[in-house]
């Protein structure tokens, strides 16, 4: 009878371990849920323009680069330019070429045009 007595002693121990494991898993689940619910609200990132560039920039392309509509007001253009430029600035590991295209897009959207020739 000693064998059956060992089984009778092991069964409550295994049941206790199972209950403890379920309690710890439940506690972890509740903590993860609270962390998920209390995380700071973040805006969903829009996908930026990832196409190739045309030889001469159009207003449509400029709007795509900045993630705006073609009829966006100047303050929205400046805000979008700032956000895109922060993400692609050469000092932060971005490309000089992309930075120049972003600046060109801002100028196009604001109606500023560069002179192709100089008077010097």
PDB file of N, CA and C in Angstrom:
ATOM      1  N   UNK A   1       0.787  -1.217   0.000  1.00  0.00           N
ATOM      2  CA  UNK A   1       0.000   0.000   0.000  1.00  0.00           C
ATOM      3  C   UNK A   1       0.825   1.276   0.000  1.00  0.00           C
ATOM      4  N   UNK A   2       2.103   1.227   0.176  1.00  0.00           N
ATOM      5  CA  UNK A   2       2.878   2.456   0.168  1.00  0.00           C
ATOM      6  C   UNK A   2       2.843   3.170  -1.185  1.00  0.00           C
ATOM      7  N   UNK A   3       2.683   2.424  -2.288  1.00  0.00           N
ATOM      8  CA  UNK A   3       2.650   3.052  -3.607  1.00  0.00           C
ATOM      9  C   UNK A   3       1.394   3.908  -3.755  1.00  0.00           C
ATOM     10  N   UNK A   4       0.259   3.404  -3.334  1.00  0.00           N
ATOM     11  CA  UNK A   4      -0.972   4.175  -3.456  1.00  0.00           C
ATOM     12  C   UNK A   4      -0.957   5.374  -2.516  1.00  0.00           C
ATOM     13  N   UNK A   5      -0.287   5.246  -1.399  1.00  0.00           N
ATOM     14  CA  UNK A   5      -0.205   6.359  -0.476  1.00  0.00           C
ATOM     15  C   UNK A   5       0.663   7.482  -1.080  1.00  0.00           C
ATOM     16  N   UNK A   6       1.703   7.140  -1.856  1.00  0.00           N
ATOM     17  CA  UNK A   6       2.526   8.156  -2.520  1.00  0.00           C
ATOM     18  C   UNK A   6       1.713   8.888  -3.579  1.00  0.00           C
ATOM     19  N   UNK A   7       0.882   8.195  -4.335  1.00  0.00           N
ATOM     20  CA  UNK A   7       0.020   8.832  -5.327  1.00  0.00           C
ATOM     21  C   UNK A   7      -0.968   9.779  -4.672  1.00  0.00           C
ATOM     22  N   UNK A   8      -1.494   9.375  -3.531  1.00  0.00           N
ATOM     23  CA  UNK A   8      -2.440  10.236  -2.825  1.00  0.00           C
ATOM     24  C   UNK A   8      -1.762  11.499  -2.310  1.00  0.00           C
ATOM     25  N   UNK A   9      -0.477  11.436  -1.994  1.00  0.00           N
ATOM     26  CA  UNK A   9       0.253  12.604  -1.521  1.00  0.00           C
ATOM     27  C   UNK A   9       0.671  13.509  -2.686  1.00  0.00           C
ATOM     28  N   UNK A  10       0.945  12.910  -3.848  1.00  0.00           N
ATOM     29  CA  UNK A  10       1.405  13.684  -5.000  1.00  0.00           C
ATOM     30  C   UNK A  10       0.261  14.430  -5.670  1.00  0.00           C
ATOM     31  N   UNK A  11      -0.918  13.882  -5.650  1.00  0.00           N
ATOM     32  CA  UNK A  11      -2.053  14.497  -6.344  1.00  0.00           C
ATOM     33  C   UNK A  11      -2.369  15.894  -5.809  1.00  0.00           C
ATOM     34  N   UNK A  12      -2.474  16.101  -4.509  1.00  0.00           N
ATOM     35  CA  UNK A  12      -2.731  17.470  -4.029  1.00  0.00           C
ATOM     36  C   UNK A  12      -1.574  18.424  -4.348  1.00  0.00           C
ATOM     37  N   UNK A  13      -0.350  17.902  -4.317  1.00  0.00           N
ATOM     38  CA  UNK A  13       0.811  18.742  -4.634  1.00  0.00           C
ATOM     39  C   UNK A  13       0.761  19.206  -6.093  1.00  0.00           C
ATOM     40  N   UNK A  14       0.460  18.305  -7.017  1.00  0.00           N
ATOM     41  CA  UNK A  14       0.358  18.652  -8.440  1.00  0.00           C
ATOM     42  C   UNK A  14      -0.811  19.603  -8.667  1.00  0.00           C
ATOM     43  N   UNK A  15      -1.902  19.366  -7.988  1.00  0.00           N
ATOM     44  CA  UNK A  15      -3.060  20.265  -8.118  1.00  0.00           C
ATOM     45  C   UNK A  15      -2.694  21.661  -7.614  1.00  0.00           C
ATOM     46  N   UNK A  16      -1.947  21.730  -6.523  1.00  0.00           N
ATOM     47  CA  UNK A  16      -1.519  23.022  -5.985  1.00  0.00           C
ATOM     48  C   UNK A  16      -0.598  23.757  -6.948  1.00  0.00           C
ATOM     49  N   UNK A  17       0.332  23.023  -7.553  1.00  0.00           N
ATOM     50  CA  UNK A  17       1.219  23.643  -8.541  1.00  0.00           C
ATOM     51  C   UNK A  17       0.427  24.150  -9.747  1.00  0.00           C
ATOM     52  N   UNK A  18      -0.566  23.407 -10.173  1.00  0.00           N
ATOM     53  CA  UNK A  18      -1.382  23.802 -11.311  1.00  0.00           C
ATOM     54  C   UNK A  18      -2.161  25.081 -10.995  1.00  0.00           C
ATOM     55  N   UNK A  19      -2.731  25.141  -9.801  1.00  0.00           N
ATOM     56  CA  UNK A  19      -3.478  26.336  -9.389  1.00  0.00           C
ATOM     57  C   UNK A  19      -2.531  27.538  -9.294  1.00  0.00           C
ATOM     58  N   UNK A  20      -1.335  27.342  -8.743  1.00  0.00           N
ATOM     59  CA  UNK A  20      -0.370  28.437  -8.630  1.00  0.00           C
ATOM     60  C   UNK A  20       0.067  28.926 -10.009  1.00  0.00           C
ATOM     61  N   UNK A  21       0.306  28.000 -10.939  1.00  0.00           N
ATOM     62  CA  UNK A  21       0.707  28.390 -12.292  1.00  0.00           C
ATOM     63  C   UNK A  21      -0.418  29.151 -12.982  1.00  0.00           C
ATOM     64  N   UNK A  22      -1.653  28.715 -12.800  1.00  0.00           N
ATOM     65  CA  UNK A  22      -2.795  29.411 -13.405  1.00  0.00           C
ATOM     66  C   UNK A  22      -2.950  30.811 -12.805  1.00  0.00           C
ATOM     67  N   UNK A  23      -2.715  30.940 -11.508  1.00  0.00           N
ATOM     68  CA  UNK A  23      -2.816  32.244 -10.855  1.00  0.00           C
ATOM     69  C   UNK A  23      -1.742  33.204 -11.363  1.00  0.00           C
ATOM     70  N   UNK A  24      -0.520  32.682 -11.502  1.00  0.00           N
ATOM     71  CA  UNK A  24       0.562  33.545 -12.026  1.00  0.00           C
ATOM     72  C   UNK A  24       0.295  33.951 -13.474  1.00  0.00           C
ATOM     73  N   UNK A  25      -0.189  33.031 -14.283  1.00  0.00           N
ATOM     74  CA  UNK A  25      -0.514  33.357 -15.671  1.00  0.00           C
ATOM     75  C   UNK A  25      -1.635  34.387 -15.731  1.00  0.00           C
ATOM     76  N   UNK A  26      -2.631  34.241 -14.880  1.00  0.00           N
ATOM     77  CA  UNK A  26      -3.720  35.219 -14.835  1.00  0.00           C
ATOM     78  C   UNK A  26      -3.228  36.584 -14.394  1.00  0.00           C
ATOM     79  N   UNK A  27      -2.354  36.600 -13.387  1.00  0.00           N
ATOM     80  CA  UNK A  27      -1.792  37.873 -12.917  1.00  0.00           C
ATOM     81  C   UNK A  27      -1.005  38.559 -14.032  1.00  0.00           C
ATOM     82  N   UNK A  28      -0.180  37.784 -14.738  1.00  0.00           N
ATOM     83  CA  UNK A  28       0.587  38.341 -15.852  1.00  0.00           C
ATOM     84  C   UNK A  28      -0.352  38.873 -16.929  1.00  0.00           C
ATOM     85  N   UNK A  29      -1.403  38.143 -17.228  1.00  0.00           N
ATOM     86  CA  UNK A  29      -2.368  38.584 -18.238  1.00  0.00           C
ATOM     87  C   UNK A  29      -3.056  39.884 -17.848  1.00  0.00           C
ATOM     88  N   UNK A  30      -3.437  40.007 -16.580  1.00  0.00           N
ATOM     89  CA  UNK A  30      -4.081  41.237 -16.103  1.00  0.00           C
ATOM     90  C   UNK A  30      -3.107  42.405 -16.174  1.00  0.00           C
ATOM     91  N   UNK A  31      -1.852  42.189 -15.775  1.00  0.00           N
ATOM     92  CA  UNK A  31      -0.850  43.263 -15.842  1.00  0.00           C
ATOM     93  C   UNK A  31      -0.600  43.686 -17.286  1.00  0.00           C
ATOM     94  N   UNK A  32      -0.527  42.718 -18.187  1.00  0.00           N
ATOM     95  CA  UNK A  32      -0.309  43.050 -19.599  1.00  0.00           C
ATOM     96  C   UNK A  32      -1.492  43.826 -20.148  1.00  0.00           C
ATOM     97  N   UNK A  33      -2.691  43.461 -19.767  1.00  0.00           N
ATOM     98  CA  UNK A  33      -3.887  44.169 -20.236  1.00  0.00           C
ATOM     99  C   UNK A  33      -3.905  45.610 -19.727  1.00  0.00           C
ATOM    100  N   UNK A  34      -3.571  45.819 -18.447  1.00  0.00           N
ATOM    101  CA  UNK A  34      -3.528  47.177 -17.906  1.00  0.00           C
ATOM    102  C   UNK A  34      -2.444  48.008 -18.593  1.00  0.00           C
ATOM    103  N   UNK A  35      -1.303  47.411 -18.860  1.00  0.00           N
ATOM    104  CA  UNK A  35      -0.234  48.135 -19.560  1.00  0.00           C
ATOM    105  C   UNK A  35      -0.684  48.501 -20.966  1.00  0.00           C
ATOM    106  N   UNK A  36      -1.405  47.613 -21.612  1.00  0.00           N
ATOM    107  CA  UNK A  36      -1.908  47.885 -22.966  1.00  0.00           C
ATOM    108  C   UNK A  36      -2.937  49.011 -22.946  1.00  0.00           C
ATOM    109  N   UNK A  37      -3.838  48.996 -21.975  1.00  0.00           N
ATOM    110  CA  UNK A  37      -4.899  50.003 -21.903  1.00  0.00           C
ATOM    111  C   UNK A  37      -4.378  51.374 -21.484  1.00  0.00           C
ATOM    112  N   UNK A  38      -3.308  51.433 -20.696  1.00  0.00           N
ATOM    113  CA  UNK A  38      -2.810  52.714 -20.196  1.00  0.00           C
ATOM    114  C   UNK A  38      -1.642  53.255 -21.002  1.00  0.00           C
ATOM    115  N   UNK A  39      -1.314  52.633 -22.129  1.00  0.00           N
ATOM    116  CA  UNK A  39      -0.206  53.133 -22.943  1.00  0.00           C
ATOM    117  C   UNK A  39      -0.599  54.490 -23.523  1.00  0.00           C
ATOM    118  N   UNK A  40       0.370  55.350 -23.768  1.00  0.00           N
ATOM    119  CA  UNK A  40       0.048  56.667 -24.320  1.00  0.00           C
ATOM    120  C   UNK A  40      -0.540  56.544 -25.726  1.00  0.00           C
ATOM    121  N   UNK A  41      -1.473  57.403 -26.001  1.00  0.00           N
ATOM    122  CA  UNK A  41      -2.103  57.396 -27.320  1.00  0.00           C
ATOM    123  C   UNK A  41      -1.107  57.907 -28.351  1.00  0.00           C
ATOM    124  N   UNK A  42      -0.934  57.162 -29.414  1.00  0.00           N
ATOM    125  CA  UNK A  42      -0.042  57.572 -30.486  1.00  0.00           C
ATOM    126  C   UNK A  42      -0.833  57.637 -31.777  1.00  0.00           C
ATOM    127  N   UNK A  43      -0.531  58.635 -32.546  1.00  0.00           N
ATOM    128  CA  UNK A  43      -1.198  58.765 -33.840  1.00  0.00           C
ATOM    129  C   UNK A  43      -0.667  57.695 -34.777  1.00  0.00           C
ATOM    130  N   UNK A  44      -1.527  57.207 -35.606  1.00  0.00           N
ATOM    131  CA  UNK A  44      -1.087  56.230 -36.590  1.00  0.00           C
ATOM    132  C   UNK A  44      -0.263  56.953 -37.642  1.00  0.00           C
ATOM    133  N   UNK A  45       0.883  56.391 -37.919  1.00  0.00           N
ATOM    134  CA  UNK A  45       1.767  57.004 -38.902  1.00  0.00           C
ATOM    135  C   UNK A  45       1.253  56.734 -40.304  1.00  0.00           C
ATOM    136  N   UNK A  46       1.176  57.808 -41.055  1.00  0.00           N
ATOM    137  CA  UNK A  46       0.823  57.633 -42.457  1.00  0.00           C
ATOM    138  C   UNK A  46       2.070  57.215 -43.211  1.00  0.00           C
ATOM    139  N   UNK A  47       1.872  56.462 -44.232  1.00  0.00           N
ATOM    140  CA  UNK A  47       3.003  56.048 -45.041  1.00  0.00           C
ATOM    141  C   UNK A  47       3.407  57.221 -45.926  1.00  0.00           C
ATOM    142  N   UNK A  48       4.684  57.570 -45.896  1.00  0.00           N
ATOM    143  CA  UNK A  48       5.163  58.672 -46.701  1.00  0.00           C
ATOM    144  C   UNK A  48       5.362  58.218 -48.140  1.00  0.00           C
ATOM    145  N   UNK A  49       5.491  59.167 -49.013  1.00  0.00           N
ATOM    146  CA  UNK A  49       5.683  58.929 -50.434  1.00  0.00           C
ATOM    147  C   UNK A  49       6.971  58.149 -50.647  1.00  0.00           C
ATOM    148  N   UNK A  50       6.888  57.007 -51.307  1.00  0.00           N
ATOM    149  CA  UNK A  50       8.085  56.204 -51.522  1.00  0.00           C
ATOM    150  C   UNK A  50       8.361  55.954 -53.000  1.00  0.00           C
ATOM    151  N   UNK A  51       7.768  56.745 -53.847  1.00  0.00           N
ATOM    152  CA  UNK A  51       7.983  56.574 -55.281  1.00  0.00           C
ATOM    153  C   UNK A  51       9.243  57.275 -55.741  1.00  0.00           C
ATOM    154  N   UNK A  52       9.584  57.086 -57.009  1.00  0.00           N
ATOM    155  CA  UNK A  52      10.721  57.785 -57.584  1.00  0.00           C
ATOM    156  C   UNK A  52      10.361  59.244 -57.850  1.00  0.00           C
ATOM    157  N   UNK A  53      11.355  60.038 -58.089  1.00  0.00           N
ATOM    158  CA  UNK A  53      11.128  61.460 -58.324  1.00  0.00           C
ATOM    159  C   UNK A  53      11.108  61.752 -59.813  1.00  0.00           C
ATOM    160  N   UNK A  54      10.248  62.695 -60.199  1.00  0.00           N
ATOM    161  CA  UNK A  54      10.184  63.135 -61.587  1.00  0.00           C
ATOM    162  C   UNK A  54      11.279  64.166 -61.818  1.00  0.00           C
ATOM    163  N   UNK A  55      11.722  64.321 -63.077  1.00  0.00           N
ATOM    164  CA  UNK A  55      12.798  65.298 -63.344  1.00  0.00           C
ATOM    165  C   UNK A  55      12.416  66.719 -62.927  1.00  0.00           C
ATOM    166  N   UNK A  56      11.184  67.111 -63.189  1.00  0.00           N
ATOM    167  CA  UNK A  56      10.692  68.418 -62.763  1.00  0.00           C
ATOM    168  C   UNK A  56       9.546  68.173 -61.786  1.00  0.00           C
ATOM    169  N   UNK A  57       9.665  68.710 -60.588  1.00  0.00           N
ATOM    170  CA  UNK A  57       8.656  68.450 -59.565  1.00  0.00           C
ATOM    171  C   UNK A  57       7.349  69.147 -59.897  1.00  0.00           C
ATOM    172  N   UNK A  58       6.267  68.422 -59.748  1.00  0.00           N
ATOM    173  CA  UNK A  58       4.929  68.981 -59.936  1.00  0.00           C
ATOM    174  C   UNK A  58       4.319  69.220 -58.559  1.00  0.00           C
ATOM    175  N   UNK A  59       3.229  69.966 -58.537  1.00  0.00           N
ATOM    176  CA  UNK A  59       2.558  70.233 -57.276  1.00  0.00           C
ATOM    177  C   UNK A  59       1.986  68.941 -56.690  1.00  0.00           C
ATOM    178  N   UNK A  60       1.549  68.047 -57.561  1.00  0.00           N
ATOM    179  CA  UNK A  60       1.011  66.760 -57.104  1.00  0.00           C
ATOM    180  C   UNK A  60       2.106  65.951 -56.411  1.00  0.00           C
ATOM    181  N   UNK A  61       3.283  65.890 -57.023  1.00  0.00           N
ATOM    182  CA  UNK A  61       4.390  65.156 -56.424  1.00  0.00           C
ATOM    183  C   UNK A  61       4.812  65.796 -55.097  1.00  0.00           C
ATOM    184  N   UNK A  62       4.835  67.121 -55.054  1.00  0.00           N
ATOM    185  CA  UNK A  62       5.199  67.827 -53.829  1.00  0.00           C
ATOM    186  C   UNK A  62       4.209  67.492 -52.706  1.00  0.00           C
ATOM    187  N   UNK A  63       2.926  67.440 -53.041  1.00  0.00           N
ATOM    188  CA  UNK A  63       1.914  67.105 -52.042  1.00  0.00           C
ATOM    189  C   UNK A  63       2.088  65.662 -51.556  1.00  0.00           C
ATOM    190  N   UNK A  64       2.435  64.763 -52.455  1.00  0.00           N
ATOM    191  CA  UNK A  64       2.656  63.370 -52.071  1.00  0.00           C
ATOM    192  C   UNK A  64       3.866  63.239 -51.145  1.00  0.00           C
ATOM    193  N   UNK A  65       4.921  63.958 -51.442  1.00  0.00           N
ATOM    194  CA  UNK A  65       6.131  63.896 -50.621  1.00  0.00           C
ATOM    195  C   UNK A  65       5.836  64.371 -49.200  1.00  0.00           C
ATOM    196  N   UNK A  66       5.056  65.444 -49.082  1.00  0.00           N
ATOM    197  CA  UNK A  66       4.754  66.003 -47.766  1.00  0.00           C
ATOM    198  C   UNK A  66       3.552  65.338 -47.107  1.00  0.00           C
ATOM    199  N   UNK A  67       2.843  64.492 -47.843  1.00  0.00           N
ATOM    200  CA  UNK A  67       1.682  63.814 -47.276  1.00  0.00           C
ATOM    201  C   UNK A  67       0.489  64.728 -47.098  1.00  0.00           C
ATOM    202  N   UNK A  68       0.312  65.662 -48.030  1.00  0.00           N
ATOM    203  CA  UNK A  68      -0.769  66.638 -47.951  1.00  0.00           C
ATOM    204  C   UNK A  68      -1.632  66.595 -49.211  1.00  0.00           C
ATOM    205  N   UNK A  69      -2.694  67.397 -49.172  1.00  0.00           N
ATOM    206  CA  UNK A  69      -3.477  67.641 -50.384  1.00  0.00           C
ATOM    207  C   UNK A  69      -2.835  68.804 -51.128  1.00  0.00           C
ATOM    208  N   UNK A  70      -3.120  68.884 -52.409  1.00  0.00           N
ATOM    209  CA  UNK A  70      -2.525  69.969 -53.204  1.00  0.00           C
ATOM    210  C   UNK A  70      -3.014  71.340 -52.753  1.00  0.00           C
ATOM    211  N   UNK A  71      -4.187  71.408 -52.134  1.00  0.00           N
ATOM    212  CA  UNK A  71      -4.759  72.691 -51.719  1.00  0.00           C
ATOM    213  C   UNK A  71      -4.522  72.981 -50.241  1.00  0.00           C
ATOM    214  N   UNK A  72      -3.503  72.394 -49.644  1.00  0.00           N
ATOM    215  CA  UNK A  72      -3.229  72.583 -48.218  1.00  0.00           C
ATOM    216  C   UNK A  72      -2.806  74.026 -47.935  1.00  0.00           C
ATOM    217  N   UNK A  73      -3.246  74.587 -46.807  1.00  0.00           N
ATOM    218  CA  UNK A  73      -2.836  75.952 -46.444  1.00  0.00           C
ATOM    219  C   UNK A  73      -1.353  75.989 -46.045  1.00  0.00           C
ATOM    220  N   UNK A  74      -0.748  77.167 -46.112  1.00  0.00           N
ATOM    221  CA  UNK A  74       0.694  77.294 -45.823  1.00  0.00           C
ATOM    222  C   UNK A  74       1.111  76.783 -44.450  1.00  0.00           C
ATOM    223  N   UNK A  75       0.289  76.988 -43.425  1.00  0.00           N
ATOM    224  CA  UNK A  75       0.682  76.518 -42.095  1.00  0.00           C
ATOM    225  C   UNK A  75       0.744  74.989 -42.030  1.00  0.00           C
ATOM    226  N   UNK A  76      -0.156  74.314 -42.737  1.00  0.00           N
ATOM    227  CA  UNK A  76      -0.120  72.844 -42.796  1.00  0.00           C
ATOM    228  C   UNK A  76       1.098  72.371 -43.588  1.00  0.00           C
ATOM    229  N   UNK A  77       1.446  73.116 -44.637  1.00  0.00           N
ATOM    230  CA  UNK A  77       2.624  72.766 -45.444  1.00  0.00           C
ATOM    231  C   UNK A  77       3.876  72.854 -44.582  1.00  0.00           C
ATOM    232  N   UNK A  78       4.000  73.933 -43.820  1.00  0.00           N
ATOM    233  CA  UNK A  78       5.181  74.117 -42.969  1.00  0.00           C
ATOM    234  C   UNK A  78       5.253  73.047 -41.882  1.00  0.00           C
ATOM    235  N   UNK A  79       4.109  72.685 -41.304  1.00  0.00           N
ATOM    236  CA  UNK A  79       4.071  71.654 -40.268  1.00  0.00           C
ATOM    237  C   UNK A  79       4.459  70.284 -40.848  1.00  0.00           C
ATOM    238  N   UNK A  80       3.905  69.967 -42.014  1.00  0.00           N
ATOM    239  CA  UNK A  80       4.231  68.687 -42.657  1.00  0.00           C
ATOM    240  C   UNK A  80       5.703  68.652 -43.064  1.00  0.00           C
ATOM    241  N   UNK A  81       6.220  69.764 -43.569  1.00  0.00           N
ATOM    242  CA  UNK A  81       7.631  69.849 -43.951  1.00  0.00           C
ATOM    243  C   UNK A  81       8.520  69.574 -42.744  1.00  0.00           C
ATOM    244  N   UNK A  82       8.169  70.168 -41.617  1.00  0.00           N
ATOM    245  CA  UNK A  82       8.960  69.982 -40.403  1.00  0.00           C
ATOM    246  C   UNK A  82       8.976  68.502 -39.994  1.00  0.00           C
ATOM    247  N   UNK A  83       7.814  67.841 -40.025  1.00  0.00           N
ATOM    248  CA  UNK A  83       7.741  66.438 -39.621  1.00  0.00           C
ATOM    249  C   UNK A  83       8.552  65.544 -40.557  1.00  0.00           C
ATOM    250  N   UNK A  84       8.411  65.758 -41.858  1.00  0.00           N
ATOM    251  CA  UNK A  84       9.126  64.920 -42.816  1.00  0.00           C
ATOM    252  C   UNK A  84      10.624  65.202 -42.749  1.00  0.00           C
ATOM    253  N   UNK A  85      10.982  66.453 -42.547  1.00  0.00           N
ATOM    254  CA  UNK A  85      12.392  66.815 -42.497  1.00  0.00           C
ATOM    255  C   UNK A  85      13.062  66.256 -41.244  1.00  0.00           C
ATOM    256  N   UNK A  86      12.359  66.236 -40.117  1.00  0.00           N
ATOM    257  CA  UNK A  86      12.923  65.654 -38.898  1.00  0.00           C
ATOM    258  C   UNK A  86      13.226  64.175 -39.121  1.00  0.00           C
ATOM    259  N   UNK A  87      12.349  63.489 -39.835  1.00  0.00           N
ATOM    260  CA  UNK A  87      12.546  62.061 -40.086  1.00  0.00           C
ATOM    261  C   UNK A  87      13.666  61.786 -41.088  1.00  0.00           C
ATOM    262  N   UNK A  88      13.991  62.759 -41.937  1.00  0.00           N
ATOM    263  CA  UNK A  88      14.958  62.524 -43.011  1.00  0.00           C
ATOM    264  C   UNK A  88      16.122  63.501 -43.012  1.00  0.00           C
ATOM    265  N   UNK A  89      16.366  64.195 -41.918  1.00  0.00           N
ATOM    266  CA  UNK A  89      17.413  65.221 -41.896  1.00  0.00           C
ATOM    267  C   UNK A  89      18.798  64.584 -42.013  1.00  0.00           C
ATOM    268  N   UNK A  90      19.674  65.183 -42.818  1.00  0.00           N
ATOM    269  CA  UNK A  90      21.024  64.629 -42.990  1.00  0.00           C
ATOM    270  C   UNK A  90      21.824  64.531 -41.683  1.00  0.00           C
ATOM    271  N   UNK A  91      21.613  65.447 -40.751  1.00  0.00           N
ATOM    272  CA  UNK A  91      22.334  65.393 -39.477  1.00  0.00           C
ATOM    273  C   UNK A  91      21.887  64.219 -38.614  1.00  0.00           C
ATOM    274  N   UNK A  92      20.706  63.677 -38.912  1.00  0.00           N
ATOM    275  CA  UNK A  92      20.183  62.540 -38.144  1.00  0.00           C
ATOM    276  C   UNK A  92      20.300  61.245 -38.942  1.00  0.00           C
ATOM    277  N   UNK A  93      21.177  61.219 -39.929  1.00  0.00           N
ATOM    278  CA  UNK A  93      21.394  60.010 -40.702  1.00  0.00           C
ATOM    279  C   UNK A  93      20.600  59.932 -41.990  1.00  0.00           C
ATOM    280  N   UNK A  94      19.906  60.999 -42.333  1.00  0.00           N
ATOM    281  CA  UNK A  94      19.135  61.020 -43.573  1.00  0.00           C
ATOM    282  C   UNK A  94      20.002  61.381 -44.767  1.00  0.00           C
ATOM    283  N   UNK A  95      19.386  61.418 -45.910  1.00  0.00           N
ATOM    284  CA  UNK A  95      20.092  61.678 -47.159  1.00  0.00           C
ATOM    285  C   UNK A  95      20.015  63.162 -47.525  1.00  0.00           C
ATOM    286  N   UNK A  96      21.110  63.697 -48.033  1.00  0.00           N
ATOM    287  CA  UNK A  96      21.102  65.090 -48.505  1.00  0.00           C
ATOM    288  C   UNK A  96      20.158  65.234 -49.695  1.00  0.00           C
ATOM    289  N   UNK A  97      20.124  64.221 -50.543  1.00  0.00           N
ATOM    290  CA  UNK A  97      19.253  64.263 -51.724  1.00  0.00           C
ATOM    291  C   UNK A  97      17.776  64.310 -51.302  1.00  0.00           C
ATOM    292  N   UNK A  98      17.398  63.460 -50.363  1.00  0.00           N
ATOM    293  CA  UNK A  98      16.009  63.482 -49.890  1.00  0.00           C
ATOM    294  C   UNK A  98      15.673  64.813 -49.226  1.00  0.00           C
ATOM    295  N   UNK A  99      16.595  65.347 -48.454  1.00  0.00           N
ATOM    296  CA  UNK A  99      16.357  66.632 -47.798  1.00  0.00           C
ATOM    297  C   UNK A  99      16.149  67.732 -48.837  1.00  0.00           C
ATOM    298  N   UNK A 100      16.915  67.702 -49.923  1.00  0.00           N
ATOM    299  CA  UNK A 100      16.738  68.720 -50.962  1.00  0.00           C
ATOM    300  C   UNK A 100      15.388  68.559 -51.652  1.00  0.00           C
ATOM    301  N   UNK A 101      14.950  67.305 -51.856  1.00  0.00           N
ATOM    302  CA  UNK A 101      13.641  67.075 -52.473  1.00  0.00           C
ATOM    303  C   UNK A 101      12.513  67.507 -51.544  1.00  0.00           C
ATOM    304  N   UNK A 102      12.671  67.300 -50.249  1.00  0.00           N
ATOM    305  CA  UNK A 102      11.655  67.728 -49.285  1.00  0.00           C
ATOM    306  C   UNK A 102      11.564  69.247 -49.267  1.00  0.00           C
ATOM    307  N   UNK A 103      12.718  69.910 -49.287  1.00  0.00           N
ATOM    308  CA  UNK A 103      12.713  71.378 -49.333  1.00  0.00           C
ATOM    309  C   UNK A 103      12.113  71.883 -50.640  1.00  0.00           C
ATOM    310  N   UNK A 104      12.417  71.217 -51.730  1.00  0.00           N
ATOM    311  CA  UNK A 104      11.844  71.593 -53.032  1.00  0.00           C
ATOM    312  C   UNK A 104      10.333  71.418 -53.011  1.00  0.00           C
ATOM    313  N   UNK A 105       9.849  70.362 -52.373  1.00  0.00           N
ATOM    314  CA  UNK A 105       8.404  70.128 -52.267  1.00  0.00           C
ATOM    315  C   UNK A 105       7.745  71.237 -51.462  1.00  0.00           C
ATOM    316  N   UNK A 106       8.386  71.650 -50.364  1.00  0.00           N
ATOM    317  CA  UNK A 106       7.836  72.747 -49.560  1.00  0.00           C
ATOM    318  C   UNK A 106       7.771  74.025 -50.382  1.00  0.00           C
ATOM    319  N   UNK A 107       8.852  74.328 -51.096  1.00  0.00           N
ATOM    320  CA  UNK A 107       8.863  75.539 -51.927  1.00  0.00           C
ATOM    321  C   UNK A 107       7.790  75.483 -52.999  1.00  0.00           C
ATOM    322  N   UNK A 108       7.598  74.330 -53.600  1.00  0.00           N
ATOM    323  CA  UNK A 108       6.578  74.171 -54.640  1.00  0.00           C
ATOM    324  C   UNK A 108       5.184  74.393 -54.052  1.00  0.00           C
ATOM    325  N   UNK A 109       4.927  73.839 -52.879  1.00  0.00           N
ATOM    326  CA  UNK A 109       3.607  73.967 -52.258  1.00  0.00           C
ATOM    327  C   UNK A 109       3.337  75.393 -51.793  1.00  0.00           C
ATOM    328  N   UNK A 110       4.384  76.113 -51.399  1.00  0.00           N
ATOM    329  CA  UNK A 110       4.210  77.500 -50.938  1.00  0.00           C
ATOM    330  C   UNK A 110       4.253  78.488 -52.098  1.00  0.00           C
ATOM    331  N   UNK A 111       4.514  78.005 -53.295  1.00  0.00           N
ATOM    332  CA  UNK A 111       4.520  78.879 -54.460  1.00  0.00           C
ATOM    333  C   UNK A 111       5.845  79.585 -54.676  1.00  0.00           C
ATOM    334  N   UNK A 112       6.860  79.218 -53.938  1.00  0.00           N
ATOM    335  CA  UNK A 112       8.183  79.811 -54.124  1.00  0.00           C
ATOM    336  C   UNK A 112       8.886  79.028 -55.219  1.00  0.00           C
ATOM    337  N   UNK A 113       9.405  79.729 -56.199  1.00  0.00           N
ATOM    338  CA  UNK A 113      10.114  79.039 -57.264  1.00  0.00           C
ATOM    339  C   UNK A 113      11.552  79.536 -57.297  1.00  0.00           C
ATOM    340  N   UNK A 114      12.425  78.641 -57.650  1.00  0.00           N
ATOM    341  CA  UNK A 114      13.834  79.018 -57.750  1.00  0.00           C
ATOM    342  C   UNK A 114      14.109  79.446 -59.177  1.00  0.00           C
ATOM    343  N   UNK A 115      14.950  80.462 -59.330  1.00  0.00           N
ATOM    344  CA  UNK A 115      15.355  80.885 -60.675  1.00  0.00           C
ATOM    345  C   UNK A 115      16.355  79.889 -61.228  1.00  0.00           C
ATOM    346  N   UNK A 116      16.169  79.487 -62.465  1.00  0.00           N
ATOM    347  CA  UNK A 116      17.075  78.517 -63.049  1.00  0.00           C
ATOM    348  C   UNK A 116      18.411  79.139 -63.434  1.00  0.00           C
ATOM    349  N   UNK A 117      18.430  80.402 -63.685  1.00  0.00           N
ATOM    350  CA  UNK A 117      19.688  81.067 -64.037  1.00  0.00           C
ATOM    351  C   UNK A 117      20.011  82.143 -63.053  1.00  0.00           C
ATOM    352  N   UNK A 118      21.245  82.575 -63.028  1.00  0.00           N
ATOM    353  CA  UNK A 118      21.610  83.652 -62.104  1.00  0.00           C
ATOM    354  C   UNK A 118      22.068  84.855 -62.900  1.00  0.00           C
ATOM    355  N   UNK A 119      21.996  86.018 -62.320  1.00  0.00           N
ATOM    356  CA  UNK A 119      22.358  87.258 -62.989  1.00  0.00           C
ATOM    357  C   UNK A 119      23.826  87.572 -62.827  1.00  0.00           C
ATOM    358  N   UNK A 120      24.579  86.739 -62.154  1.00  0.00           N
ATOM    359  CA  UNK A 120      26.002  87.045 -61.910  1.00  0.00           C
ATOM    360  C   UNK A 120      26.847  86.641 -63.054  1.00  0.00           C
TER     361      UNK A 120
END
